[in-house]
């Protein structure tokens, strides 16, 4: 059974995707002023998942173009929605077997960050990814409201059944 924090990540991913229901490719590719397109945000979250779970913790970089096009500070682009959902699914599918192995001790273990004195833990990365998803979930919903989309999600989904709090976060 995966660590409960991994369950929270999976729930969060599901809520992010639920917030994309019914969006067209054209609307997903729109940029409004300085805001990134929704399709870019999907690629950006794929970038973060690859960067953390595949690259930093397993030294794998199966989608190098994602690293170049969707990083923080990369020039804005408006990629096709289907392409971004496809690569996002591929990256999260590739990360999941590793995430399933993480224990509480693994999440607390310190890993060097580059050549300097700084370090990271997988647990901190997990929280960063979860919160990053929620940030972009809200941003996506705001963009969709501006576009006057109807029937948008207005609250977190069924967390009580799908990702309830369970004992074990510290175990």
C-alpha atoms as a PDB file:
ATOM      1  CA  UNK A   1       0.000   0.000   0.000  1.00  0.00           C
ATOM      2  CA  UNK A   2       1.460   3.406  -0.936  1.00  0.00           C
ATOM      3  CA  UNK A   3       2.326   5.925   1.746  1.00  0.00           C
ATOM      4  CA  UNK A   4      -0.697   8.125   2.587  1.00  0.00           C
ATOM      5  CA  UNK A   5       1.062  11.197   1.164  1.00  0.00           C
ATOM      6  CA  UNK A   6       1.293   9.427  -2.199  1.00  0.00           C
ATOM      7  CA  UNK A   7      -2.462   8.881  -1.950  1.00  0.00           C
ATOM      8  CA  UNK A   8      -2.906  12.612  -1.423  1.00  0.00           C
ATOM      9  CA  UNK A   9      -0.808  13.318  -4.518  1.00  0.00           C
ATOM     10  CA  UNK A  10      -2.952  10.960  -6.571  1.00  0.00           C
ATOM     11  CA  UNK A  11      -6.148  12.570  -5.319  1.00  0.00           C
ATOM     12  CA  UNK A  12      -4.722  15.997  -6.146  1.00  0.00           C
ATOM     13  CA  UNK A  13      -3.784  14.889  -9.653  1.00  0.00           C
ATOM     14  CA  UNK A  14      -7.329  13.613 -10.115  1.00  0.00           C
ATOM     15  CA  UNK A  15      -8.794  16.931  -9.008  1.00  0.00           C
ATOM     16  CA  UNK A  16      -6.498  18.778 -11.420  1.00  0.00           C
ATOM     17  CA  UNK A  17      -7.740  16.598 -14.297  1.00  0.00           C
ATOM     18  CA  UNK A  18     -11.359  16.911 -13.123  1.00  0.00           C
ATOM     19  CA  UNK A  19     -10.972  20.681 -13.440  1.00  0.00           C
ATOM     20  CA  UNK A  20     -10.068  20.244 -17.113  1.00  0.00           C
ATOM     21  CA  UNK A  21     -13.259  18.390 -18.044  1.00  0.00           C
ATOM     22  CA  UNK A  22     -14.938  19.801 -21.120  1.00  0.00           C
ATOM     23  CA  UNK A  23     -12.223  22.259 -22.093  1.00  0.00           C
ATOM     24  CA  UNK A  24     -11.514  22.610 -25.794  1.00  0.00           C
ATOM     25  CA  UNK A  25      -8.053  22.618 -27.324  1.00  0.00           C
ATOM     26  CA  UNK A  26      -8.569  26.204 -28.453  1.00  0.00           C
ATOM     27  CA  UNK A  27      -9.487  27.405 -24.959  1.00  0.00           C
ATOM     28  CA  UNK A  28      -6.676  25.415 -23.341  1.00  0.00           C
ATOM     29  CA  UNK A  29      -4.175  27.150 -25.637  1.00  0.00           C
ATOM     30  CA  UNK A  30      -5.358  30.716 -24.972  1.00  0.00           C
ATOM     31  CA  UNK A  31      -3.108  33.174 -23.186  1.00  0.00           C
ATOM     32  CA  UNK A  32      -4.679  36.146 -21.461  1.00  0.00           C
ATOM     33  CA  UNK A  33      -2.076  38.813 -20.771  1.00  0.00           C
ATOM     34  CA  UNK A  34       0.733  37.441 -18.623  1.00  0.00           C
ATOM     35  CA  UNK A  35      -1.162  34.260 -17.689  1.00  0.00           C
ATOM     36  CA  UNK A  36       0.122  31.010 -19.117  1.00  0.00           C
ATOM     37  CA  UNK A  37      -2.171  28.807 -21.136  1.00  0.00           C
ATOM     38  CA  UNK A  38      -3.865  25.874 -19.443  1.00  0.00           C
ATOM     39  CA  UNK A  39      -2.110  23.483 -21.819  1.00  0.00           C
ATOM     40  CA  UNK A  40       1.234  24.981 -20.768  1.00  0.00           C
ATOM     41  CA  UNK A  41       0.338  24.440 -17.107  1.00  0.00           C
ATOM     42  CA  UNK A  42      -0.274  20.745 -17.801  1.00  0.00           C
ATOM     43  CA  UNK A  43       3.179  20.524 -19.367  1.00  0.00           C
ATOM     44  CA  UNK A  44       4.629  22.496 -16.468  1.00  0.00           C
ATOM     45  CA  UNK A  45       3.265  20.029 -13.906  1.00  0.00           C
ATOM     46  CA  UNK A  46       4.576  17.160 -16.050  1.00  0.00           C
ATOM     47  CA  UNK A  47       7.956  18.940 -15.941  1.00  0.00           C
ATOM     48  CA  UNK A  48       7.876  19.062 -12.156  1.00  0.00           C
ATOM     49  CA  UNK A  49       6.866  15.428 -11.771  1.00  0.00           C
ATOM     50  CA  UNK A  50       9.619  14.305 -14.150  1.00  0.00           C
ATOM     51  CA  UNK A  51      12.159  16.596 -12.485  1.00  0.00           C
ATOM     52  CA  UNK A  52      11.450  15.300  -8.994  1.00  0.00           C
ATOM     53  CA  UNK A  53      10.439  11.643  -9.269  1.00  0.00           C
ATOM     54  CA  UNK A  54      12.333  10.555 -12.354  1.00  0.00           C
ATOM     55  CA  UNK A  55      15.344  12.860 -12.556  1.00  0.00           C
ATOM     56  CA  UNK A  56      16.281  13.930  -9.021  1.00  0.00           C
ATOM     57  CA  UNK A  57      15.410  10.673  -7.296  1.00  0.00           C
ATOM     58  CA  UNK A  58      16.152   8.133 -10.066  1.00  0.00           C
ATOM     59  CA  UNK A  59      18.549   9.928 -12.430  1.00  0.00           C
ATOM     60  CA  UNK A  60      16.251   9.391 -15.440  1.00  0.00           C
ATOM     61  CA  UNK A  61      15.239  12.001 -18.007  1.00  0.00           C
ATOM     62  CA  UNK A  62      13.005  10.225 -20.531  1.00  0.00           C
ATOM     63  CA  UNK A  63      11.386  13.441 -21.855  1.00  0.00           C
ATOM     64  CA  UNK A  64      14.239  15.975 -22.167  1.00  0.00           C
ATOM     65  CA  UNK A  65      12.137  18.406 -24.223  1.00  0.00           C
ATOM     66  CA  UNK A  66       9.766  18.798 -21.285  1.00  0.00           C
ATOM     67  CA  UNK A  67      12.730  20.034 -19.220  1.00  0.00           C
ATOM     68  CA  UNK A  68      13.496  22.680 -21.846  1.00  0.00           C
ATOM     69  CA  UNK A  69       9.980  23.896 -22.661  1.00  0.00           C
ATOM     70  CA  UNK A  70       8.020  23.877 -19.399  1.00  0.00           C
ATOM     71  CA  UNK A  71      10.457  24.866 -16.666  1.00  0.00           C
ATOM     72  CA  UNK A  72       9.877  27.763 -14.343  1.00  0.00           C
ATOM     73  CA  UNK A  73      10.912  30.834 -16.331  1.00  0.00           C
ATOM     74  CA  UNK A  74      10.767  29.131 -19.735  1.00  0.00           C
ATOM     75  CA  UNK A  75       9.317  31.251 -22.547  1.00  0.00           C
ATOM     76  CA  UNK A  76       5.534  30.908 -22.781  1.00  0.00           C
ATOM     77  CA  UNK A  77       4.154  28.539 -25.389  1.00  0.00           C
ATOM     78  CA  UNK A  78       0.660  27.299 -26.220  1.00  0.00           C
ATOM     79  CA  UNK A  79       0.989  23.581 -26.974  1.00  0.00           C
ATOM     80  CA  UNK A  80      -1.887  21.328 -28.067  1.00  0.00           C
ATOM     81  CA  UNK A  81      -4.015  20.091 -25.172  1.00  0.00           C
ATOM     82  CA  UNK A  82      -3.977  16.435 -26.287  1.00  0.00           C
ATOM     83  CA  UNK A  83      -0.184  16.436 -26.518  1.00  0.00           C
ATOM     84  CA  UNK A  84       0.180  17.830 -23.025  1.00  0.00           C
ATOM     85  CA  UNK A  85      -2.305  15.430 -21.482  1.00  0.00           C
ATOM     86  CA  UNK A  86      -0.526  12.545 -23.219  1.00  0.00           C
ATOM     87  CA  UNK A  87       2.935  13.475 -21.936  1.00  0.00           C
ATOM     88  CA  UNK A  88       1.564  14.295 -18.468  1.00  0.00           C
ATOM     89  CA  UNK A  89      -0.025  10.833 -18.287  1.00  0.00           C
ATOM     90  CA  UNK A  90       3.159   9.174 -19.542  1.00  0.00           C
ATOM     91  CA  UNK A  91       5.291  10.937 -16.933  1.00  0.00           C
ATOM     92  CA  UNK A  92       2.921  10.302 -14.033  1.00  0.00           C
ATOM     93  CA  UNK A  93       2.554   6.666 -15.123  1.00  0.00           C
ATOM     94  CA  UNK A  94       6.352   6.343 -15.200  1.00  0.00           C
ATOM     95  CA  UNK A  95       6.666   7.919 -11.744  1.00  0.00           C
ATOM     96  CA  UNK A  96       3.942   5.905 -10.020  1.00  0.00           C
ATOM     97  CA  UNK A  97       5.803   2.588  -9.544  1.00  0.00           C
ATOM     98  CA  UNK A  98       8.613   4.479  -7.782  1.00  0.00           C
ATOM     99  CA  UNK A  99       6.166   6.497  -5.685  1.00  0.00           C
ATOM    100  CA  UNK A 100       4.486   3.261  -4.599  1.00  0.00           C
ATOM    101  CA  UNK A 101       7.748   2.130  -2.980  1.00  0.00           C
ATOM    102  CA  UNK A 102       8.294   5.216  -0.813  1.00  0.00           C
ATOM    103  CA  UNK A 103       8.214   4.702   2.932  1.00  0.00           C
ATOM    104  CA  UNK A 104       8.126   7.291   5.703  1.00  0.00           C
ATOM    105  CA  UNK A 105      11.898   6.878   6.053  1.00  0.00           C
ATOM    106  CA  UNK A 106      12.365   7.416   2.296  1.00  0.00           C
ATOM    107  CA  UNK A 107      10.309  10.594   2.469  1.00  0.00           C
ATOM    108  CA  UNK A 108      12.528  11.935   5.272  1.00  0.00           C
ATOM    109  CA  UNK A 109      15.893  10.934   3.784  1.00  0.00           C
ATOM    110  CA  UNK A 110      18.113  13.836   2.775  1.00  0.00           C
ATOM    111  CA  UNK A 111      19.429  14.069  -0.788  1.00  0.00           C
ATOM    112  CA  UNK A 112      22.057  16.568  -1.945  1.00  0.00           C
ATOM    113  CA  UNK A 113      20.835  19.419  -4.096  1.00  0.00           C
ATOM    114  CA  UNK A 114      23.663  20.029  -6.549  1.00  0.00           C
ATOM    115  CA  UNK A 115      27.218  20.452  -5.330  1.00  0.00           C
ATOM    116  CA  UNK A 116      26.454  22.849  -2.483  1.00  0.00           C
ATOM    117  CA  UNK A 117      25.435  22.303   1.132  1.00  0.00           C
ATOM    118  CA  UNK A 118      21.714  22.280   0.373  1.00  0.00           C
ATOM    119  CA  UNK A 119      19.582  19.159   0.405  1.00  0.00           C
ATOM    120  CA  UNK A 120      16.030  18.072  -0.214  1.00  0.00           C
ATOM    121  CA  UNK A 121      13.771  15.316   1.031  1.00  0.00           C
ATOM    122  CA  UNK A 122      11.275  13.393  -1.054  1.00  0.00           C
ATOM    123  CA  UNK A 123       8.619  14.371   1.490  1.00  0.00           C
ATOM    124  CA  UNK A 124       9.255  18.060   0.911  1.00  0.00           C
ATOM    125  CA  UNK A 125       9.155  17.486  -2.837  1.00  0.00           C
ATOM    126  CA  UNK A 126       5.862  15.607  -2.462  1.00  0.00           C
ATOM    127  CA  UNK A 127       4.292  18.478  -0.565  1.00  0.00           C
ATOM    128  CA  UNK A 128       5.649  20.976  -3.078  1.00  0.00           C
ATOM    129  CA  UNK A 129       4.096  19.017  -5.973  1.00  0.00           C
ATOM    130  CA  UNK A 130       0.730  18.687  -4.219  1.00  0.00           C
ATOM    131  CA  UNK A 131       0.546  22.397  -3.427  1.00  0.00           C
ATOM    132  CA  UNK A 132       1.726  23.269  -6.923  1.00  0.00           C
ATOM    133  CA  UNK A 133      -1.150  21.248  -8.397  1.00  0.00           C
ATOM    134  CA  UNK A 134      -3.662  23.092  -6.204  1.00  0.00           C
ATOM    135  CA  UNK A 135      -2.201  26.442  -7.245  1.00  0.00           C
ATOM    136  CA  UNK A 136      -2.641  25.635 -10.928  1.00  0.00           C
ATOM    137  CA  UNK A 137      -6.017  23.986 -10.378  1.00  0.00           C
ATOM    138  CA  UNK A 138      -7.287  27.299  -9.004  1.00  0.00           C
ATOM    139  CA  UNK A 139      -5.574  29.263 -11.747  1.00  0.00           C
ATOM    140  CA  UNK A 140      -7.136  27.033 -14.409  1.00  0.00           C
ATOM    141  CA  UNK A 141     -10.582  27.488 -12.891  1.00  0.00           C
ATOM    142  CA  UNK A 142     -10.117  31.270 -12.836  1.00  0.00           C
ATOM    143  CA  UNK A 143      -9.156  31.244 -16.514  1.00  0.00           C
ATOM    144  CA  UNK A 144     -12.200  29.131 -17.301  1.00  0.00           C
ATOM    145  CA  UNK A 145     -14.448  31.523 -15.365  1.00  0.00           C
ATOM    146  CA  UNK A 146     -13.096  34.444 -17.394  1.00  0.00           C
ATOM    147  CA  UNK A 147     -13.886  32.411 -20.526  1.00  0.00           C
ATOM    148  CA  UNK A 148     -17.431  31.998 -19.134  1.00  0.00           C
ATOM    149  CA  UNK A 149     -17.346  28.202 -19.116  1.00  0.00           C
ATOM    150  CA  UNK A 150     -20.396  26.690 -17.472  1.00  0.00           C
ATOM    151  CA  UNK A 151     -20.623  23.795 -15.028  1.00  0.00           C
ATOM    152  CA  UNK A 152     -17.172  24.203 -13.511  1.00  0.00           C
ATOM    153  CA  UNK A 153     -16.130  22.377 -10.387  1.00  0.00           C
ATOM    154  CA  UNK A 154     -16.769  24.552  -7.378  1.00  0.00           C
ATOM    155  CA  UNK A 155     -15.219  22.567  -4.558  1.00  0.00           C
ATOM    156  CA  UNK A 156     -12.814  19.744  -3.813  1.00  0.00           C
ATOM    157  CA  UNK A 157     -14.188  16.378  -4.867  1.00  0.00           C
ATOM    158  CA  UNK A 158     -14.910  13.334  -2.726  1.00  0.00           C
ATOM    159  CA  UNK A 159     -11.850  13.510  -0.482  1.00  0.00           C
ATOM    160  CA  UNK A 160     -13.667  11.728   2.355  1.00  0.00           C
ATOM    161  CA  UNK A 161     -13.828   8.504   0.351  1.00  0.00           C
ATOM    162  CA  UNK A 162     -10.971   8.922  -2.114  1.00  0.00           C
ATOM    163  CA  UNK A 163      -8.214  10.380   0.076  1.00  0.00           C
ATOM    164  CA  UNK A 164      -9.271  10.628   3.716  1.00  0.00           C
ATOM    165  CA  UNK A 165      -6.828  11.446   6.452  1.00  0.00           C
ATOM    166  CA  UNK A 166      -5.362   8.212   7.747  1.00  0.00           C
ATOM    167  CA  UNK A 167      -2.970   7.367  10.512  1.00  0.00           C
ATOM    168  CA  UNK A 168       0.473   6.838   9.110  1.00  0.00           C
ATOM    169  CA  UNK A 169       1.772  10.196   7.960  1.00  0.00           C
ATOM    170  CA  UNK A 170       4.422   9.949  10.632  1.00  0.00           C
ATOM    171  CA  UNK A 171       4.840   6.175  10.605  1.00  0.00           C
END
